[in-house]
C-alpha atoms as a PDB file:
ATOM      1  CA  UNK A   1     113.242 116.329 137.768  1.00  0.00           C
ATOM      2  CA  UNK A   2     109.546 116.877 138.055  1.00  0.00           C
ATOM      3  CA  UNK A   3     106.870 117.651 140.578  1.00  0.00           C
ATOM      4  CA  UNK A   4     107.710 117.963 144.257  1.00  0.00           C
ATOM      5  CA  UNK A   5     105.128 118.393 146.979  1.00  0.00           C
ATOM      6  CA  UNK A   6     106.514 120.438 149.875  1.00  0.00           C
ATOM      7  CA  UNK A   7     103.247 121.663 151.368  1.00  0.00           C
ATOM      8  CA  UNK A   8     100.010 119.710 151.014  1.00  0.00           C
ATOM      9  CA  UNK A   9      98.161 120.992 147.962  1.00  0.00           C
ATOM     10  CA  UNK A  10     101.136 123.001 146.605  1.00  0.00           C
ATOM     11  CA  UNK A  11     103.465 121.608 143.962  1.00  0.00           C
ATOM     12  CA  UNK A  12     106.776 123.074 142.870  1.00  0.00           C
ATOM     13  CA  UNK A  13     108.572 122.318 139.631  1.00  0.00           C
ATOM     14  CA  UNK A  14     111.285 123.792 137.438  1.00  0.00           C
ATOM     15  CA  UNK A  15     109.947 126.299 134.893  1.00  0.00           C
ATOM     16  CA  UNK A  16     111.739 124.463 132.067  1.00  0.00           C
ATOM     17  CA  UNK A  17     109.964 121.210 132.979  1.00  0.00           C
ATOM     18  CA  UNK A  18     106.537 122.893 133.019  1.00  0.00           C
ATOM     19  CA  UNK A  19     107.058 124.702 129.691  1.00  0.00           C
ATOM     20  CA  UNK A  20     108.346 121.557 127.959  1.00  0.00           C
ATOM     21  CA  UNK A  21     105.470 119.506 129.384  1.00  0.00           C
ATOM     22  CA  UNK A  22     102.956 122.010 128.008  1.00  0.00           C
ATOM     23  CA  UNK A  23     104.678 122.161 124.613  1.00  0.00           C
ATOM     24  CA  UNK A  24     104.931 118.418 124.144  1.00  0.00           C
ATOM     25  CA  UNK A  25     101.313 117.787 125.099  1.00  0.00           C
ATOM     26  CA  UNK A  26      99.830 120.511 122.905  1.00  0.00           C
ATOM     27  CA  UNK A  27     101.462 120.204 119.494  1.00  0.00           C
ATOM     28  CA  UNK A  28      99.547 121.886 116.682  1.00  0.00           C
ATOM     29  CA  UNK A  29     100.541 120.282 113.388  1.00  0.00           C
ATOM     30  CA  UNK A  30     100.630 122.226 110.119  1.00  0.00           C
ATOM     31  CA  UNK A  31      99.724 119.679 107.411  1.00  0.00           C
ATOM     32  CA  UNK A  32     101.658 120.230 104.186  1.00  0.00           C
ATOM     33  CA  UNK A  33     100.027 117.460 102.142  1.00  0.00           C
ATOM     34  CA  UNK A  34     101.497 117.583  98.656  1.00  0.00           C
ATOM     35  CA  UNK A  35     100.602 114.193  97.190  1.00  0.00           C
ATOM     36  CA  UNK A  36      99.459 110.669  98.054  1.00  0.00           C
ATOM     37  CA  UNK A  37     101.136 110.596 101.502  1.00  0.00           C
ATOM     38  CA  UNK A  38      98.595 113.201 102.573  1.00  0.00           C
ATOM     39  CA  UNK A  39      95.879 110.513 102.499  1.00  0.00           C
ATOM     40  CA  UNK A  40      97.795 108.517 105.114  1.00  0.00           C
ATOM     41  CA  UNK A  41      98.346 111.708 107.104  1.00  0.00           C
ATOM     42  CA  UNK A  42      94.567 112.184 107.121  1.00  0.00           C
ATOM     43  CA  UNK A  43      94.166 108.603 108.346  1.00  0.00           C
ATOM     44  CA  UNK A  44      96.578 109.387 111.178  1.00  0.00           C
ATOM     45  CA  UNK A  45      94.184 111.976 112.607  1.00  0.00           C
ATOM     46  CA  UNK A  46      91.092 109.894 111.906  1.00  0.00           C
ATOM     47  CA  UNK A  47      89.258 107.706 114.440  1.00  0.00           C
ATOM     48  CA  UNK A  48      91.203 104.506 113.733  1.00  0.00           C
ATOM     49  CA  UNK A  49      94.663 105.846 114.630  1.00  0.00           C
ATOM     50  CA  UNK A  50      93.562 108.990 116.526  1.00  0.00           C
ATOM     51  CA  UNK A  51      96.563 111.289 116.870  1.00  0.00           C
ATOM     52  CA  UNK A  52      94.542 113.234 119.468  1.00  0.00           C
ATOM     53  CA  UNK A  53      95.506 110.630 122.080  1.00  0.00           C
ATOM     54  CA  UNK A  54      99.068 111.947 121.876  1.00  0.00           C
ATOM     55  CA  UNK A  55      98.371 115.651 122.344  1.00  0.00           C
ATOM     56  CA  UNK A  56      98.427 116.745 118.695  1.00  0.00           C
ATOM     57  CA  UNK A  57      94.746 116.907 117.926  1.00  0.00           C
ATOM     58  CA  UNK A  58      94.278 120.239 116.227  1.00  0.00           C
ATOM     59  CA  UNK A  59      95.495 120.360 112.615  1.00  0.00           C
ATOM     60  CA  UNK A  60      96.045 124.020 111.899  1.00  0.00           C
ATOM     61  CA  UNK A  61      96.079 125.317 108.349  1.00  0.00           C
ATOM     62  CA  UNK A  62      97.482 128.599 109.576  1.00  0.00           C
ATOM     63  CA  UNK A  63     101.272 128.620 110.017  1.00  0.00           C
ATOM     64  CA  UNK A  64     101.045 131.299 112.704  1.00  0.00           C
ATOM     65  CA  UNK A  65      99.201 128.885 114.974  1.00  0.00           C
ATOM     66  CA  UNK A  66     101.331 125.796 114.253  1.00  0.00           C
ATOM     67  CA  UNK A  67     104.527 124.460 115.753  1.00  0.00           C
ATOM     68  CA  UNK A  68     104.935 121.120 113.924  1.00  0.00           C
ATOM     69  CA  UNK A  69     105.079 120.930 110.131  1.00  0.00           C
ATOM     70  CA  UNK A  70     104.157 117.607 108.537  1.00  0.00           C
ATOM     71  CA  UNK A  71     105.555 117.532 104.986  1.00  0.00           C
ATOM     72  CA  UNK A  72     103.775 114.676 103.237  1.00  0.00           C
ATOM     73  CA  UNK A  73     104.559 113.878  99.631  1.00  0.00           C
ATOM     74  CA  UNK A  74     106.533 115.039  96.638  1.00  0.00           C
ATOM     75  CA  UNK A  75     107.977 118.529  96.929  1.00  0.00           C
ATOM     76  CA  UNK A  76     108.515 120.098  93.513  1.00  0.00           C
ATOM     77  CA  UNK A  77     110.778 123.083  92.912  1.00  0.00           C
ATOM     78  CA  UNK A  78     107.665 125.065  92.017  1.00  0.00           C
ATOM     79  CA  UNK A  79     106.187 124.307  95.464  1.00  0.00           C
ATOM     80  CA  UNK A  80     109.488 124.692  97.377  1.00  0.00           C
ATOM     81  CA  UNK A  81     109.259 128.487  97.927  1.00  0.00           C
ATOM     82  CA  UNK A  82     105.762 128.069  99.384  1.00  0.00           C
ATOM     83  CA  UNK A  83     106.918 125.306 101.751  1.00  0.00           C
ATOM     84  CA  UNK A  84     109.802 127.509 102.912  1.00  0.00           C
ATOM     85  CA  UNK A  85     107.523 130.549 103.304  1.00  0.00           C
ATOM     86  CA  UNK A  86     105.032 128.597 105.411  1.00  0.00           C
ATOM     87  CA  UNK A  87     107.902 127.240 107.548  1.00  0.00           C
ATOM     88  CA  UNK A  88     109.295 130.749 108.051  1.00  0.00           C
ATOM     89  CA  UNK A  89     105.869 132.027 109.152  1.00  0.00           C
ATOM     90  CA  UNK A  90     105.646 129.450 111.947  1.00  0.00           C
ATOM     91  CA  UNK A  91     106.615 130.795 115.388  1.00  0.00           C
ATOM     92  CA  UNK A  92     109.611 129.398 117.260  1.00  0.00           C
ATOM     93  CA  UNK A  93     110.116 126.774 118.537  1.00  0.00           C
ATOM     94  CA  UNK A  94     109.074 124.674 115.561  1.00  0.00           C
ATOM     95  CA  UNK A  95     109.692 121.150 114.364  1.00  0.00           C
ATOM     96  CA  UNK A  96     109.411 119.334 111.019  1.00  0.00           C
ATOM     97  CA  UNK A  97     108.597 115.716 110.150  1.00  0.00           C
ATOM     98  CA  UNK A  98     109.201 114.488 106.601  1.00  0.00           C
ATOM     99  CA  UNK A  99     106.541 111.899 105.746  1.00  0.00           C
ATOM    100  CA  UNK A 100     107.250 109.399 102.988  1.00  0.00           C
ATOM    101  CA  UNK A 101     110.101 108.615 100.679  1.00  0.00           C
ATOM    102  CA  UNK A 102     109.232 111.422  98.211  1.00  0.00           C
ATOM    103  CA  UNK A 103     109.487 114.154 100.848  1.00  0.00           C
ATOM    104  CA  UNK A 104     112.590 112.574 102.377  1.00  0.00           C
ATOM    105  CA  UNK A 105     114.639 111.877  99.224  1.00  0.00           C
ATOM    106  CA  UNK A 106     112.618 112.650  96.110  1.00  0.00           C
ATOM    107  CA  UNK A 107     111.446 109.041  95.857  1.00  0.00           C
ATOM    108  CA  UNK A 108     111.435 107.536  92.394  1.00  0.00           C
ATOM    109  CA  UNK A 109     111.272 111.004  90.849  1.00  0.00           C
ATOM    110  CA  UNK A 110     114.890 111.637  89.872  1.00  0.00           C
ATOM    111  CA  UNK A 111     114.339 114.644  87.623  1.00  0.00           C
ATOM    112  CA  UNK A 112     114.810 118.386  87.459  1.00  0.00           C
ATOM    113  CA  UNK A 113     111.310 119.215  88.727  1.00  0.00           C
ATOM    114  CA  UNK A 114     111.454 117.411  92.100  1.00  0.00           C
ATOM    115  CA  UNK A 115     113.370 118.466  95.210  1.00  0.00           C
ATOM    116  CA  UNK A 116     115.555 115.529  96.255  1.00  0.00           C
ATOM    117  CA  UNK A 117     114.621 115.805  99.915  1.00  0.00           C
ATOM    118  CA  UNK A 118     112.771 118.561 101.744  1.00  0.00           C
ATOM    119  CA  UNK A 119     115.864 118.994 103.944  1.00  0.00           C
ATOM    120  CA  UNK A 120     117.367 120.917 101.006  1.00  0.00           C
ATOM    121  CA  UNK A 121     114.834 123.655 101.784  1.00  0.00           C
ATOM    122  CA  UNK A 122     114.032 123.490 105.513  1.00  0.00           C
ATOM    123  CA  UNK A 123     115.581 121.651 108.495  1.00  0.00           C
ATOM    124  CA  UNK A 124     113.955 118.287 109.242  1.00  0.00           C
ATOM    125  CA  UNK A 125     113.800 116.702 112.699  1.00  0.00           C
ATOM    126  CA  UNK A 126     112.465 113.237 111.787  1.00  0.00           C
ATOM    127  CA  UNK A 127     112.008 111.206 108.635  1.00  0.00           C
ATOM    128  CA  UNK A 128     109.252 108.615 108.241  1.00  0.00           C
ATOM    129  CA  UNK A 129     110.048 106.038 105.524  1.00  0.00           C
ATOM    130  CA  UNK A 130     107.536 104.312 103.307  1.00  0.00           C
ATOM    131  CA  UNK A 131     105.527 104.754 100.159  1.00  0.00           C
ATOM    132  CA  UNK A 132     103.122 105.684 101.591  1.00  0.00           C
ATOM    133  CA  UNK A 133     104.179 105.648 105.240  1.00  0.00           C
ATOM    134  CA  UNK A 134     101.882 103.924 107.698  1.00  0.00           C
ATOM    135  CA  UNK A 135      99.848 106.160 110.026  1.00  0.00           C
ATOM    136  CA  UNK A 136     101.269 104.369 113.071  1.00  0.00           C
ATOM    137  CA  UNK A 137     104.802 105.182 111.858  1.00  0.00           C
ATOM    138  CA  UNK A 138     103.789 108.823 111.593  1.00  0.00           C
ATOM    139  CA  UNK A 139     102.427 108.737 115.140  1.00  0.00           C
ATOM    140  CA  UNK A 140     105.736 107.226 116.275  1.00  0.00           C
ATOM    141  CA  UNK A 141     107.561 110.209 114.735  1.00  0.00           C
ATOM    142  CA  UNK A 142     105.265 112.607 116.607  1.00  0.00           C
ATOM    143  CA  UNK A 143     106.050 110.746 119.838  1.00  0.00           C
ATOM    144  CA  UNK A 144     109.789 111.079 119.099  1.00  0.00           C
ATOM    145  CA  UNK A 145     109.341 114.816 118.612  1.00  0.00           C
ATOM    146  CA  UNK A 146     107.608 114.905 122.004  1.00  0.00           C
ATOM    147  CA  UNK A 147     110.589 113.129 123.597  1.00  0.00           C
ATOM    148  CA  UNK A 148     112.887 115.686 121.949  1.00  0.00           C
ATOM    149  CA  UNK A 149     110.776 118.552 123.319  1.00  0.00           C
ATOM    150  CA  UNK A 150     110.994 117.074 126.841  1.00  0.00           C
ATOM    151  CA  UNK A 151     114.784 117.518 126.824  1.00  0.00           C
ATOM    152  CA  UNK A 152     115.004 121.005 125.292  1.00  0.00           C
ATOM    153  CA  UNK A 153     116.533 123.895 127.192  1.00  0.00           C
ATOM    154  CA  UNK A 154     114.727 127.210 127.415  1.00  0.00           C
ATOM    155  CA  UNK A 155     116.355 130.014 125.443  1.00  0.00           C
ATOM    156  CA  UNK A 156     116.965 133.300 127.210  1.00  0.00           C
END
């Protein structure tokens, strides 16, 4: 499935392929940096690792303009309603990556104040392990989201 050239200079393609291609190559991440993992998330978009090479250059701090939420760090129960509210304000389709062991499972904070995994609040597509996770591992998760987007079916 892809581009077909029937007449010179004119390409035809399935609409689903074109929409998914545009979505996967223009992700706009919503950074939800809650603790030390946010520093590594900042490194991911910096010049050394350069997330822009993979079509996710623009970090948007407005949920209405974002389609990929990056939850980086410890989510406390006090912050949980805000994380959920921001997620709910994002337009569909939307995806979530949990960055670091604290966001994924609560980390070493086994107490009443910390959410034991952000998936208790919002659905998560990919988990990136580590304390803190490496920027290249985060980029790998973004690339996996792009592969997932490639295969999605359009909703009527």
